[in-house]
N, C-alpha and C. Protein backbone atom coordinates (compact mmCIF):
# COMPACT_ATOMS: atom_id res chain seq x y z
N UNK A 1 -105.23 -89.46 45.72
CA UNK A 1 -105.49 -90.93 45.73
C UNK A 1 -105.68 -91.73 44.75
N UNK A 2 -106.43 -91.59 43.72
CA UNK A 2 -106.58 -92.18 42.49
C UNK A 2 -105.36 -92.90 41.43
N UNK A 3 -104.27 -91.78 41.69
CA UNK A 3 -103.40 -92.14 41.04
C UNK A 3 -102.53 -93.63 41.49
N UNK A 4 -102.42 -93.57 42.94
CA UNK A 4 -102.03 -94.69 43.81
C UNK A 4 -102.97 -95.86 43.59
N UNK A 5 -104.35 -95.56 43.68
CA UNK A 5 -105.15 -97.11 43.42
C UNK A 5 -104.77 -97.35 41.95
N UNK A 6 -104.59 -96.80 41.21
CA UNK A 6 -104.68 -97.00 39.45
C UNK A 6 -102.80 -97.84 39.62
N UNK A 7 -101.97 -97.40 40.28
CA UNK A 7 -100.75 -98.16 40.45
C UNK A 7 -100.58 -99.01 40.94
N UNK A 8 -101.60 -99.38 41.99
CA UNK A 8 -101.63 -100.63 42.79
C UNK A 8 -102.26 -101.72 42.42
N UNK A 9 -103.19 -101.18 41.02
CA UNK A 9 -104.10 -102.47 40.40
C UNK A 9 -103.04 -103.10 39.41
N UNK A 10 -102.23 -102.12 39.06
CA UNK A 10 -101.34 -102.87 37.99
C UNK A 10 -99.94 -103.18 38.43
N UNK A 11 -99.55 -103.45 39.85
CA UNK A 11 -98.08 -103.65 40.00
C UNK A 11 -98.53 -104.84 41.04
N UNK A 12 -97.04 -105.80 41.58
CA UNK A 12 -97.25 -106.74 42.03
C UNK A 12 -96.95 -106.03 43.52
N UNK A 13 -97.88 -106.57 44.37
CA UNK A 13 -97.82 -106.07 45.51
C UNK A 13 -97.25 -106.93 46.72
N UNK A 14 -96.42 -106.52 47.82
CA UNK A 14 -95.71 -107.24 48.45
C UNK A 14 -95.65 -106.61 49.71
N UNK A 15 -95.52 -107.55 50.76
CA UNK A 15 -95.75 -107.07 52.02
C UNK A 15 -93.58 -106.41 52.24
N UNK A 16 -93.57 -105.66 52.75
CA UNK A 16 -92.23 -104.80 53.13
C UNK A 16 -91.21 -105.90 53.37
N UNK A 17 -91.35 -106.99 54.24
CA UNK A 17 -90.25 -107.74 54.51
C UNK A 17 -89.65 -108.82 53.47
N UNK A 18 -90.80 -109.04 52.39
CA UNK A 18 -90.48 -109.82 50.93
C UNK A 18 -90.14 -108.72 50.21
N UNK A 19 -90.42 -107.49 50.33
CA UNK A 19 -89.71 -106.54 49.74
C UNK A 19 -88.08 -106.10 49.78
N UNK A 20 -88.43 -106.14 51.29
CA UNK A 20 -86.27 -105.99 51.80
C UNK A 20 -85.97 -107.49 51.20
N UNK A 21 -86.22 -108.30 51.29
CA UNK A 21 -85.65 -109.64 50.90
C UNK A 21 -85.07 -109.72 49.35
N UNK A 22 -86.01 -109.47 48.90
CA UNK A 22 -85.93 -109.04 47.02
C UNK A 22 -85.50 -107.65 46.58
N UNK A 23 -84.98 -106.98 47.40
CA UNK A 23 -84.90 -105.50 46.86
C UNK A 23 -83.97 -105.00 45.83
N UNK A 24 -83.07 -106.08 45.46
CA UNK A 24 -81.93 -105.74 44.53
C UNK A 24 -82.86 -106.48 43.11
N UNK A 25 -83.27 -107.33 43.12
CA UNK A 25 -84.11 -108.56 42.21
C UNK A 25 -85.19 -107.39 41.84
N UNK A 26 -86.28 -106.26 42.81
CA UNK A 26 -86.92 -105.38 42.15
C UNK A 26 -86.21 -104.64 41.78
N UNK A 27 -85.41 -103.99 41.93
CA UNK A 27 -84.95 -102.42 41.36
C UNK A 27 -83.97 -103.18 39.98
N UNK A 28 -83.64 -104.77 39.66
CA UNK A 28 -83.28 -104.76 38.49
C UNK A 28 -84.76 -104.85 37.65
N UNK A 29 -85.79 -105.39 37.91
CA UNK A 29 -87.32 -105.53 37.52
C UNK A 29 -87.75 -104.01 37.19
N UNK A 30 -87.23 -103.25 38.04
CA UNK A 30 -88.01 -102.02 37.60
C UNK A 30 -87.44 -101.33 36.43
N UNK A 31 -86.08 -101.36 36.43
CA UNK A 31 -85.44 -100.66 35.64
C UNK A 31 -85.03 -101.27 34.03
N UNK A 32 -85.23 -102.67 34.22
CA UNK A 32 -85.50 -103.46 32.94
C UNK A 32 -86.59 -103.88 32.51
N UNK A 33 -87.51 -104.18 33.39
CA UNK A 33 -88.59 -104.69 32.79
C UNK A 33 -89.79 -103.74 32.98
N UNK A 34 -89.34 -102.68 33.38
CA UNK A 34 -90.47 -101.56 33.65
C UNK A 34 -91.86 -102.14 34.45
N UNK A 35 -91.21 -102.94 35.49
CA UNK A 35 -92.09 -103.16 36.49
C UNK A 35 -92.59 -102.65 37.77
N UNK A 36 -93.86 -102.28 38.53
CA UNK A 36 -93.77 -101.59 39.32
C UNK A 36 -94.35 -102.40 40.55
N UNK A 37 -93.77 -102.04 41.69
CA UNK A 37 -94.13 -102.66 42.88
C UNK A 37 -94.59 -102.20 44.06
N UNK A 38 -95.65 -102.28 44.81
CA UNK A 38 -96.51 -101.60 45.67
C UNK A 38 -95.85 -102.58 46.77
N UNK A 39 -95.51 -101.95 47.73
CA UNK A 39 -94.74 -102.19 49.08
C UNK A 39 -96.05 -101.87 50.54
N UNK A 40 -96.63 -102.93 50.90
CA UNK A 40 -97.27 -102.65 52.30
C UNK A 40 -96.65 -103.14 53.36
N UNK A 41 -97.05 -102.61 54.32
CA UNK A 41 -96.60 -102.62 55.98
C UNK A 41 -97.83 -103.07 56.81
N UNK A 42 -98.20 -103.87 57.45
CA UNK A 42 -99.33 -104.54 57.64
C UNK A 42 -100.86 -104.16 57.21
N UNK A 43 -100.75 -104.55 56.26
CA UNK A 43 -101.88 -104.51 54.82
C UNK A 43 -102.06 -103.17 54.59
N UNK A 44 -101.20 -102.38 54.43
CA UNK A 44 -101.16 -100.62 54.07
C UNK A 44 -100.33 -100.32 53.17
N UNK A 45 -100.90 -99.75 51.81
CA UNK A 45 -99.42 -99.23 50.96
C UNK A 45 -99.05 -98.34 51.80
N UNK A 46 -97.49 -98.46 51.61
CA UNK A 46 -97.00 -97.58 52.30
C UNK A 46 -95.52 -96.99 51.18
N UNK A 47 -95.90 -97.52 50.39
CA UNK A 47 -94.56 -97.08 49.01
C UNK A 47 -95.23 -97.95 47.59
N UNK A 48 -94.54 -97.01 46.73
CA UNK A 48 -94.60 -97.76 45.23
C UNK A 48 -93.08 -97.72 44.56
N UNK A 49 -92.62 -98.62 44.19
CA UNK A 49 -91.26 -98.56 43.67
C UNK A 49 -91.63 -98.80 41.92
N UNK A 50 -91.07 -97.45 41.36
CA UNK A 50 -91.07 -97.47 39.67
C UNK A 50 -89.73 -96.99 39.33
N UNK A 51 -89.83 -96.92 38.24
CA UNK A 51 -88.37 -96.28 37.30
C UNK A 51 -88.67 -94.92 37.45
N UNK A 52 -87.37 -94.28 37.42
CA UNK A 52 -87.50 -93.21 37.25
C UNK A 52 -88.17 -92.67 36.16
N UNK A 53 -88.02 -93.11 34.85
CA UNK A 53 -88.50 -92.94 33.62
C UNK A 53 -89.98 -92.79 33.91
N UNK A 54 -90.72 -93.72 34.63
CA UNK A 54 -91.93 -93.73 34.77
C UNK A 54 -92.19 -92.86 35.35
N UNK A 55 -91.83 -92.57 36.83
CA UNK A 55 -91.64 -91.33 37.47
C UNK A 55 -92.12 -90.06 36.76
N UNK A 56 -91.14 -89.69 35.76
CA UNK A 56 -91.02 -88.95 35.01
C UNK A 56 -92.45 -88.37 34.24
N UNK A 57 -92.48 -89.13 33.61
CA UNK A 57 -93.85 -89.54 32.93
C UNK A 57 -95.05 -89.08 33.43
N UNK A 58 -95.43 -89.94 34.57
CA UNK A 58 -96.21 -89.55 35.47
C UNK A 58 -96.65 -87.92 36.02
N UNK A 59 -95.28 -87.52 36.22
CA UNK A 59 -94.89 -85.71 36.34
C UNK A 59 -95.63 -85.24 35.51
N UNK A 60 -95.05 -85.31 34.20
CA UNK A 60 -95.63 -84.82 33.12
C UNK A 60 -96.94 -84.71 32.72
N UNK A 61 -97.57 -85.90 33.04
CA UNK A 61 -98.82 -85.99 32.94
C UNK A 61 -99.68 -85.14 33.72
N UNK A 62 -99.24 -85.05 34.86
CA UNK A 62 -99.76 -84.37 36.08
C UNK A 62 -99.86 -82.85 36.00
N UNK A 63 -98.60 -82.25 35.00
CA UNK A 63 -98.40 -80.80 34.87
C UNK A 63 -99.45 -80.42 34.11
N UNK A 64 -99.73 -81.63 32.74
CA UNK A 64 -100.39 -81.47 31.62
C UNK A 64 -101.72 -80.88 32.01
N UNK A 65 -102.09 -82.07 32.79
CA UNK A 65 -103.51 -82.01 33.41
C UNK A 65 -104.09 -81.16 34.76
N UNK A 66 -103.07 -80.40 35.23
CA UNK A 66 -103.25 -79.24 36.24
C UNK A 66 -103.26 -77.94 35.24
N UNK A 67 -102.98 -78.53 34.24
CA UNK A 67 -103.04 -76.92 33.48
C UNK A 67 -104.09 -76.71 32.42
N UNK A 68 -105.19 -75.90 32.81
CA UNK A 68 -106.91 -75.99 32.42
C UNK A 68 -106.48 -75.35 31.04
N UNK A 69 -105.80 -74.75 30.72
CA UNK A 69 -105.97 -73.94 29.27
C UNK A 69 -104.93 -74.89 28.69
N UNK A 70 -103.88 -75.47 28.87
CA UNK A 70 -103.50 -76.21 27.85
C UNK A 70 -104.45 -77.93 27.55
N UNK A 71 -105.14 -78.43 28.65
CA UNK A 71 -106.60 -79.33 28.57
C UNK A 71 -107.24 -78.93 27.50
N UNK A 72 -107.62 -77.79 27.46
CA UNK A 72 -108.64 -77.18 26.87
C UNK A 72 -108.33 -76.88 25.40
N UNK A 73 -106.99 -76.70 24.75
CA UNK A 73 -106.56 -76.35 23.73
C UNK A 73 -106.09 -78.17 23.35
N UNK A 74 -105.94 -79.02 24.09
CA UNK A 74 -105.47 -80.66 23.63
C UNK A 74 -107.23 -80.80 23.06
N UNK A 75 -108.06 -80.71 23.99
CA UNK A 75 -109.11 -81.29 23.23
C UNK A 75 -109.81 -80.62 22.47
N UNK A 76 -109.86 -79.40 22.28
CA UNK A 76 -109.78 -78.41 20.69
C UNK A 76 -109.24 -79.14 19.82
N UNK A 77 -107.88 -79.21 19.88
CA UNK A 77 -107.19 -80.10 18.83
C UNK A 77 -107.90 -81.29 18.28
N UNK A 78 -108.24 -82.00 19.28
CA UNK A 78 -108.71 -83.13 19.30
C UNK A 78 -110.16 -83.63 18.23
N UNK A 79 -111.01 -82.21 19.17
CA UNK A 79 -112.29 -82.50 18.45
C UNK A 79 -111.71 -81.76 16.33
N UNK A 80 -111.05 -80.70 16.39
CA UNK A 80 -110.65 -80.30 14.95
C UNK A 80 -110.21 -81.87 14.03
N UNK A 81 -109.21 -82.48 14.66
CA UNK A 81 -108.90 -83.44 13.98
C UNK A 81 -110.01 -84.37 13.59
N UNK A 82 -111.00 -84.75 14.47
CA UNK A 82 -112.04 -85.83 14.14
C UNK A 82 -112.90 -84.81 12.96
N UNK A 83 -113.08 -83.85 13.09
CA UNK A 83 -113.87 -82.94 12.22
C UNK A 83 -112.75 -82.83 10.66
N UNK A 84 -111.84 -83.25 10.56
CA UNK A 84 -111.17 -83.10 9.56
C UNK A 84 -110.44 -81.58 9.26
N UNK A 85 -110.57 -80.86 10.37
CA UNK A 85 -109.61 -79.68 10.54
C UNK A 85 -108.09 -79.61 10.79
N UNK A 86 -107.34 -80.28 9.90
CA UNK A 86 -105.73 -80.38 10.11
C UNK A 86 -105.33 -80.14 8.74
N UNK A 87 -104.15 -79.97 9.07
CA UNK A 87 -103.06 -79.91 7.61
C UNK A 87 -101.90 -81.37 7.83
N UNK A 88 -101.41 -82.08 7.02
CA UNK A 88 -100.28 -83.56 7.03
C UNK A 88 -99.33 -82.05 7.29
N UNK A 89 -98.36 -83.03 7.63
CA UNK A 89 -96.64 -82.40 7.95
C UNK A 89 -96.46 -82.36 6.40
N UNK A 90 -96.92 -83.01 5.26
CA UNK A 90 -96.62 -83.34 3.94
C UNK A 90 -96.92 -81.93 3.25
N UNK A 91 -98.00 -81.67 3.60
CA UNK A 91 -98.59 -80.83 2.88
C UNK A 91 -98.10 -79.11 3.58
N UNK A 92 -97.86 -79.61 4.92
CA UNK A 92 -97.21 -78.15 5.51
C UNK A 92 -96.13 -77.85 4.84
N UNK A 93 -95.07 -78.68 4.62
CA UNK A 93 -93.81 -78.64 4.07
C UNK A 93 -93.60 -78.18 2.54
N UNK A 94 -94.66 -78.65 1.85
CA UNK A 94 -94.91 -78.29 0.72
C UNK A 94 -95.21 -76.83 0.57
N UNK A 95 -96.18 -76.48 1.51
CA UNK A 95 -96.58 -75.00 1.37
C UNK A 95 -95.44 -74.11 1.54
N UNK A 96 -94.56 -74.57 2.64
CA UNK A 96 -93.56 -73.64 3.26
C UNK A 96 -92.48 -73.50 2.33
N UNK A 97 -92.77 -74.49 1.24
CA UNK A 97 -91.41 -74.93 0.40
C UNK A 97 -90.11 -75.62 0.37
N UNK A 98 -90.41 -76.23 1.55
CA UNK A 98 -89.72 -77.15 2.52
C UNK A 98 -89.63 -78.42 1.88
N UNK A 99 -87.71 -78.73 1.63
CA UNK A 99 -87.97 -80.12 1.19
C UNK A 99 -87.68 -81.22 2.55
N UNK A 100 -88.65 -82.21 2.41
CA UNK A 100 -88.14 -82.99 3.77
C UNK A 100 -86.95 -83.82 3.85
N UNK A 101 -86.26 -83.54 2.68
CA UNK A 101 -84.80 -84.35 2.88
C UNK A 101 -83.91 -83.36 3.64
N UNK A 102 -84.04 -81.80 3.50
CA UNK A 102 -83.23 -80.97 4.16
C UNK A 102 -83.93 -81.08 5.48
N UNK A 103 -84.57 -81.69 6.28
CA UNK A 103 -84.68 -81.76 7.74
C UNK A 103 -83.92 -83.03 8.29
N UNK A 104 -83.26 -83.60 7.47
CA UNK A 104 -82.44 -85.11 8.04
C UNK A 104 -81.20 -84.53 8.80
């Protein structure tokens, strides 16, 4: 439920009757202006209208967050970066003998 509560807080909330009357405008705004709409019926959230790209982004985020090993690896990497334990792309390419121009 946290996901829906978050999305409701950042979206335009409309009763179903108003959403029905403005459906095509809402579709346009969702896809061109990246807006999100929460649709209610009798005061309760019944649907959320978001762009397909945003939905895919949420799905990918949830997949990552559900993978405990991946989350652990990400946190470890973030900690290593804070401690300066990383190599820059420039230095890596130099060590591997790769000219950055060859990657274009």
